[in-house]
Amino acid sequence: MSKSNKRSDCPVSLSLDVWGDKWSLLIIRDLMFAKECTYGDFLKSPEGIATNILASRLQVLEEHQIIEKLDHPESKAKVLYKLTNKGIDLLPIMIEINLWAEKYYHIAEDRKAMLKEVKKDKAGFIKSMSKELKK
């Protein structure tokens, strides 16, 4: 990110400049829990992202090395998106967002089950999931 594109040197502001829009964390979420996704997979998410917004967010996340494109093993017409190590390092933040949401909102049962495991050993869960995402 060039000096002219950032609002300040504040860590929160710098981070929000990369993934602080309405859609980027949802893309990151999908990649964390599915490990890899195609463009079509993102379009199927329940939030209903528009194709032009998806293309724009994927490009920004790739430019900032949060995600990477891989060749699809079954189709030359498709690509797979996967988190980079930089993207995987967002896992603790995503876990904390989930814990916060569980405290204040009704969340899906599968997410409640995951958070039950997180609460048993948060550091161990993050380490294990990070290792799995890096495969």
C-alpha atoms as a PDB file:
ATOM      1  CA  MET A   1       0.000   0.000   0.000  1.00  0.00           C
ATOM      2  CA  SER A   2       1.511   3.305  -1.011  1.00  0.00           C
ATOM      3  CA  LYS A   3       1.727   6.250   1.344  1.00  0.00           C
ATOM      4  CA  SER A   4      -0.959   8.118  -0.613  1.00  0.00           C
ATOM      5  CA  ASN A   5      -3.472   5.257  -0.231  1.00  0.00           C
ATOM      6  CA  LYS A   6      -3.378   5.002   3.529  1.00  0.00           C
ATOM      7  CA  ARG A   7      -5.243   7.289   5.874  1.00  0.00           C
ATOM      8  CA  SER A   8      -2.767   7.015   8.731  1.00  0.00           C
ATOM      9  CA  ASP A   9      -0.129   4.791  10.313  1.00  0.00           C
ATOM     10  CA  CYS A  10      -2.644   3.512  12.877  1.00  0.00           C
ATOM     11  CA  PRO A  11      -2.653  -0.325  12.830  1.00  0.00           C
ATOM     12  CA  VAL A  12      -6.457  -0.451  12.892  1.00  0.00           C
ATOM     13  CA  SER A  13      -6.741   2.012  10.011  1.00  0.00           C
ATOM     14  CA  LEU A  14      -4.065   0.211   7.974  1.00  0.00           C
ATOM     15  CA  SER A  15      -5.851  -3.110   8.461  1.00  0.00           C
ATOM     16  CA  LEU A  16      -9.271  -1.719   7.629  1.00  0.00           C
ATOM     17  CA  ASP A  17      -7.874  -0.299   4.401  1.00  0.00           C
ATOM     18  CA  VAL A  18      -7.232  -3.895   3.288  1.00  0.00           C
ATOM     19  CA  TRP A  19     -10.122  -5.949   4.711  1.00  0.00           C
ATOM     20  CA  GLY A  20     -12.457  -3.549   6.459  1.00  0.00           C
ATOM     21  CA  ASP A  21     -15.206  -3.338   3.857  1.00  0.00           C
ATOM     22  CA  LYS A  22     -18.526  -5.169   4.052  1.00  0.00           C
ATOM     23  CA  TRP A  23     -17.392  -8.194   1.995  1.00  0.00           C
ATOM     24  CA  SER A  24     -13.689  -8.963   2.440  1.00  0.00           C
ATOM     25  CA  LEU A  25     -13.951 -10.696   5.809  1.00  0.00           C
ATOM     26  CA  LEU A  26     -16.777 -12.841   4.430  1.00  0.00           C
ATOM     27  CA  ILE A  27     -14.512 -13.939   1.581  1.00  0.00           C
ATOM     28  CA  ILE A  28     -11.760 -14.662   4.128  1.00  0.00           C
ATOM     29  CA  ARG A  29     -14.302 -16.545   6.282  1.00  0.00           C
ATOM     30  CA  ASP A  30     -15.324 -18.721   3.356  1.00  0.00           C
ATOM     31  CA  LEU A  31     -11.694 -19.540   2.603  1.00  0.00           C
ATOM     32  CA  MET A  32     -10.915 -20.328   6.239  1.00  0.00           C
ATOM     33  CA  PHE A  33     -13.741 -22.772   6.616  1.00  0.00           C
ATOM     34  CA  ALA A  34     -13.722 -24.250   3.082  1.00  0.00           C
ATOM     35  CA  LYS A  35      -9.922 -24.009   2.644  1.00  0.00           C
ATOM     36  CA  GLU A  36     -10.250 -23.108  -1.036  1.00  0.00           C
ATOM     37  CA  CYS A  37     -13.036 -21.728  -3.182  1.00  0.00           C
ATOM     38  CA  THR A  38     -13.873 -20.950  -6.758  1.00  0.00           C
ATOM     39  CA  TYR A  39     -15.495 -17.711  -7.870  1.00  0.00           C
ATOM     40  CA  GLY A  40     -18.795 -19.577  -8.120  1.00  0.00           C
ATOM     41  CA  ASP A  41     -18.467 -20.853  -4.547  1.00  0.00           C
ATOM     42  CA  PHE A  42     -18.271 -17.275  -3.269  1.00  0.00           C
ATOM     43  CA  LEU A  43     -21.359 -16.325  -5.272  1.00  0.00           C
ATOM     44  CA  LYS A  44     -23.293 -19.117  -3.507  1.00  0.00           C
ATOM     45  CA  SER A  45     -22.702 -17.708  -0.009  1.00  0.00           C
ATOM     46  CA  PRO A  46     -25.938 -16.744   1.766  1.00  0.00           C
ATOM     47  CA  GLU A  47     -25.006 -13.052   1.915  1.00  0.00           C
ATOM     48  CA  GLY A  48     -25.475 -12.722  -1.855  1.00  0.00           C
ATOM     49  CA  ILE A  49     -22.445 -10.761  -3.028  1.00  0.00           C
ATOM     50  CA  ALA A  50     -22.766  -9.137  -6.458  1.00  0.00           C
ATOM     51  CA  THR A  51     -20.322 -10.405  -9.066  1.00  0.00           C
ATOM     52  CA  ASN A  52     -18.718  -6.991  -9.669  1.00  0.00           C
ATOM     53  CA  ILE A  53     -18.149  -6.481  -5.936  1.00  0.00           C
ATOM     54  CA  LEU A  54     -16.727  -9.995  -5.604  1.00  0.00           C
ATOM     55  CA  ALA A  55     -14.284  -9.428  -8.458  1.00  0.00           C
ATOM     56  CA  SER A  56     -13.146  -6.149  -6.924  1.00  0.00           C
ATOM     57  CA  ARG A  57     -12.663  -7.593  -3.415  1.00  0.00           C
ATOM     58  CA  LEU A  58     -10.809 -10.640  -4.701  1.00  0.00           C
ATOM     59  CA  GLN A  59      -8.462  -8.359  -6.623  1.00  0.00           C
ATOM     60  CA  VAL A  60      -7.750  -6.180  -3.565  1.00  0.00           C
ATOM     61  CA  LEU A  61      -7.162  -9.220  -1.335  1.00  0.00           C
ATOM     62  CA  GLU A  62      -4.830 -10.718  -3.933  1.00  0.00           C
ATOM     63  CA  GLU A  63      -2.933  -7.420  -4.378  1.00  0.00           C
ATOM     64  CA  HIS A  64      -2.374  -7.315  -0.613  1.00  0.00           C
ATOM     65  CA  GLN A  65      -1.290 -10.972  -0.610  1.00  0.00           C
ATOM     66  CA  ILE A  66      -4.114 -12.112   1.669  1.00  0.00           C
ATOM     67  CA  ILE A  67      -5.250 -14.632  -0.956  1.00  0.00           C
ATOM     68  CA  GLU A  68      -3.704 -16.305  -3.974  1.00  0.00           C
ATOM     69  CA  LYS A  69      -5.011 -17.853  -7.173  1.00  0.00           C
ATOM     70  CA  LEU A  70      -4.237 -21.466  -7.970  1.00  0.00           C
ATOM     71  CA  ASP A  71      -4.914 -23.544 -11.062  1.00  0.00           C
ATOM     72  CA  HIS A  72      -8.076 -25.588 -10.718  1.00  0.00           C
ATOM     73  CA  PRO A  73      -7.189 -29.293 -10.975  1.00  0.00           C
ATOM     74  CA  GLU A  74     -10.353 -30.174 -12.912  1.00  0.00           C
ATOM     75  CA  SER A  75     -10.963 -27.133 -15.123  1.00  0.00           C
ATOM     76  CA  LYS A  76      -8.768 -24.759 -17.098  1.00  0.00           C
ATOM     77  CA  ALA A  77     -11.656 -22.253 -17.068  1.00  0.00           C
ATOM     78  CA  LYS A  78     -11.718 -22.004 -13.259  1.00  0.00           C
ATOM     79  CA  VAL A  79      -9.251 -20.903 -10.615  1.00  0.00           C
ATOM     80  CA  LEU A  80      -9.105 -21.739  -6.952  1.00  0.00           C
ATOM     81  CA  TYR A  81      -8.611 -19.054  -4.344  1.00  0.00           C
ATOM     82  CA  LYS A  82      -6.716 -19.896  -1.195  1.00  0.00           C
ATOM     83  CA  LEU A  83      -5.464 -17.952   1.807  1.00  0.00           C
ATOM     84  CA  THR A  84      -1.785 -17.088   1.917  1.00  0.00           C
ATOM     85  CA  ASN A  85       0.151 -17.251   5.184  1.00  0.00           C
ATOM     86  CA  LYS A  86      -0.667 -13.557   5.613  1.00  0.00           C
ATOM     87  CA  GLY A  87      -4.357 -14.402   5.228  1.00  0.00           C
ATOM     88  CA  ILE A  88      -4.141 -17.377   7.581  1.00  0.00           C
ATOM     89  CA  ASP A  89      -2.690 -15.017  10.191  1.00  0.00           C
ATOM     90  CA  LEU A  90      -6.162 -13.417  10.345  1.00  0.00           C
ATOM     91  CA  LEU A  91      -7.519 -16.592  11.978  1.00  0.00           C
ATOM     92  CA  PRO A  92      -7.244 -15.327  15.585  1.00  0.00           C
ATOM     93  CA  ILE A  93      -9.192 -12.197  14.605  1.00  0.00           C
ATOM     94  CA  MET A  94     -11.873 -14.291  12.935  1.00  0.00           C
ATOM     95  CA  ILE A  95     -12.131 -16.490  16.025  1.00  0.00           C
ATOM     96  CA  GLU A  96     -12.555 -13.428  18.257  1.00  0.00           C
ATOM     97  CA  ILE A  97     -15.247 -11.998  15.958  1.00  0.00           C
ATOM     98  CA  ASN A  98     -17.089 -15.320  16.187  1.00  0.00           C
ATOM     99  CA  LEU A  99     -16.810 -15.382  19.986  1.00  0.00           C
ATOM    100  CA  TRP A 100     -18.103 -11.817  20.203  1.00  0.00           C
ATOM    101  CA  ALA A 101     -21.044 -12.596  17.896  1.00  0.00           C
ATOM    102  CA  GLU A 102     -21.903 -15.718  19.879  1.00  0.00           C
ATOM    103  CA  LYS A 103     -22.121 -13.616  23.021  1.00  0.00           C
ATOM    104  CA  TYR A 104     -24.573 -11.119  21.554  1.00  0.00           C
ATOM    105  CA  TYR A 105     -26.427 -12.821  18.690  1.00  0.00           C
ATOM    106  CA  HIS A 106     -28.017 -16.090  17.661  1.00  0.00           C
ATOM    107  CA  ILE A 107     -25.519 -17.969  15.494  1.00  0.00           C
ATOM    108  CA  ALA A 108     -25.626 -21.169  13.460  1.00  0.00           C
ATOM    109  CA  GLU A 109     -25.342 -24.472  15.301  1.00  0.00           C
ATOM    110  CA  ASP A 110     -22.261 -25.577  13.360  1.00  0.00           C
ATOM    111  CA  ARG A 111     -20.490 -22.377  14.401  1.00  0.00           C
ATOM    112  CA  LYS A 112     -21.553 -22.913  18.032  1.00  0.00           C
ATOM    113  CA  ALA A 113     -20.000 -26.383  17.894  1.00  0.00           C
ATOM    114  CA  MET A 114     -16.755 -24.945  16.525  1.00  0.00           C
ATOM    115  CA  LEU A 115     -16.667 -22.291  19.239  1.00  0.00           C
ATOM    116  CA  LYS A 116     -17.193 -24.946  21.894  1.00  0.00           C
ATOM    117  CA  GLU A 117     -13.939 -26.514  20.663  1.00  0.00           C
ATOM    118  CA  VAL A 118     -12.240 -23.103  20.575  1.00  0.00           C
ATOM    119  CA  LYS A 119     -13.151 -22.445  24.207  1.00  0.00           C
ATOM    120  CA  LYS A 120     -11.530 -25.702  25.322  1.00  0.00           C
ATOM    121  CA  ASP A 121      -8.118 -24.636  23.990  1.00  0.00           C
ATOM    122  CA  LYS A 122      -8.102 -21.476  21.882  1.00  0.00           C
ATOM    123  CA  ALA A 123      -4.352 -21.446  21.232  1.00  0.00           C
ATOM    124  CA  GLY A 124      -4.360 -25.138  20.320  1.00  0.00           C
ATOM    125  CA  PHE A 125      -7.363 -24.707  18.027  1.00  0.00           C
ATOM    126  CA  ILE A 126      -5.745 -21.789  16.202  1.00  0.00           C
ATOM    127  CA  LYS A 127      -2.463 -23.661  15.841  1.00  0.00           C
ATOM    128  CA  SER A 128      -4.185 -26.784  14.512  1.00  0.00           C
ATOM    129  CA  MET A 129      -6.458 -24.906  12.100  1.00  0.00           C
ATOM    130  CA  SER A 130      -3.580 -22.740  10.851  1.00  0.00           C
ATOM    131  CA  LYS A 131      -1.555 -25.856  10.143  1.00  0.00           C
ATOM    132  CA  GLU A 132      -4.484 -27.370   8.253  1.00  0.00           C
ATOM    133  CA  LEU A 133      -4.993 -24.214   6.157  1.00  0.00           C
ATOM    134  CA  LYS A 134      -1.316 -24.201   5.172  1.00  0.00           C
ATOM    135  CA  LYS A 135      -1.524 -27.667   3.599  1.00  0.00           C
END
